[in-house]
């Protein structure tokens, strides 16, 4: 079995809770068509920081704020 490189991020409890809630809501949306709850400004900012840190840890260029100003399109 091929051993995968680990990517580790440390999260505070409110950020971890926001991620868990978002993943759950997306899963319920996919499974049952439930609407995805709107994020508060705080949750949105927390999740944005985690995503930025995750992309950096993965060595992926950020899709915004680059020198070129062109957005990198991602398939989620």
Protein backbone atom coordinates (compact mmCIF):
# COMPACT_ATOMS: atom_id res chain seq x y z
CA UNK A 1 0.00 0.00 0.00
CA UNK A 2 1.30 3.42 -1.00
CA UNK A 3 1.91 5.66 1.98
CA UNK A 4 0.31 9.09 1.51
CA UNK A 5 1.86 12.32 2.70
CA UNK A 6 -0.12 13.84 5.55
CA UNK A 7 -1.48 17.37 5.47
CA UNK A 8 -2.11 18.68 8.96
CA UNK A 9 -3.96 21.85 9.93
CA UNK A 10 -4.63 22.94 13.49
CA UNK A 11 -8.08 24.43 14.11
CA UNK A 12 -9.64 26.23 17.02
CA UNK A 13 -12.97 24.80 18.25
CA UNK A 14 -15.26 27.42 16.59
CA UNK A 15 -13.56 26.86 13.22
CA UNK A 16 -13.72 23.06 13.56
CA UNK A 17 -17.42 23.36 14.46
CA UNK A 18 -18.08 25.59 11.43
CA UNK A 19 -16.39 23.03 9.14
CA UNK A 20 -18.30 20.11 10.66
CA UNK A 21 -21.60 21.97 10.28
CA UNK A 22 -20.84 22.91 6.68
CA UNK A 23 -19.88 19.36 5.72
CA UNK A 24 -23.05 18.04 7.35
CA UNK A 25 -25.22 20.64 5.60
CA UNK A 26 -23.66 19.88 2.21
CA UNK A 27 -24.23 16.16 2.79
CA UNK A 28 -27.88 16.73 3.70
CA UNK A 29 -28.25 18.96 0.66
CA UNK A 30 -26.85 16.21 -1.56
CA UNK A 31 -28.87 13.43 0.11
CA UNK A 32 -32.23 15.10 0.57
CA UNK A 33 -32.18 18.41 -1.22
CA UNK A 34 -32.17 20.43 2.02
CA UNK A 35 -31.12 24.04 1.52
CA UNK A 36 -27.59 24.85 2.68
CA UNK A 37 -27.77 27.24 5.61
CA UNK A 38 -26.29 30.66 5.01
CA UNK A 39 -22.99 31.22 6.79
CA UNK A 40 -22.51 34.05 9.23
CA UNK A 41 -19.75 36.53 8.43
CA UNK A 42 -17.61 35.00 11.17
CA UNK A 43 -18.11 31.45 9.82
CA UNK A 44 -17.39 32.57 6.28
CA UNK A 45 -14.15 34.29 7.34
CA UNK A 46 -13.06 31.26 9.40
CA UNK A 47 -13.72 28.85 6.54
CA UNK A 48 -11.95 31.16 4.10
CA UNK A 49 -8.83 31.14 6.30
CA UNK A 50 -8.91 27.34 6.53
CA UNK A 51 -9.29 26.99 2.76
CA UNK A 52 -6.40 29.39 2.15
CA UNK A 53 -4.22 27.46 4.64
CA UNK A 54 -5.22 24.14 3.09
CA UNK A 55 -4.37 25.30 -0.43
CA UNK A 56 -1.00 26.56 0.79
CA UNK A 57 -0.31 23.25 2.59
CA UNK A 58 -1.14 21.42 -0.65
CA UNK A 59 1.09 23.74 -2.67
CA UNK A 60 -1.85 25.01 -4.72
CA UNK A 61 -1.78 28.66 -5.83
CA UNK A 62 -4.48 30.80 -4.30
CA UNK A 63 -7.34 31.51 -6.69
CA UNK A 64 -7.56 35.17 -5.73
CA UNK A 65 -5.32 38.07 -4.90
CA UNK A 66 -2.56 36.89 -7.21
CA UNK A 67 -0.30 39.20 -9.14
CA UNK A 68 -2.11 38.50 -12.39
CA UNK A 69 -5.51 39.18 -10.82
CA UNK A 70 -6.93 36.24 -12.78
CA UNK A 71 -9.01 33.78 -10.84
CA UNK A 72 -8.07 30.11 -11.03
CA UNK A 73 -11.25 28.08 -11.64
CA UNK A 74 -11.63 25.01 -9.47
CA UNK A 75 -14.01 22.11 -9.71
CA UNK A 76 -15.36 21.40 -6.25
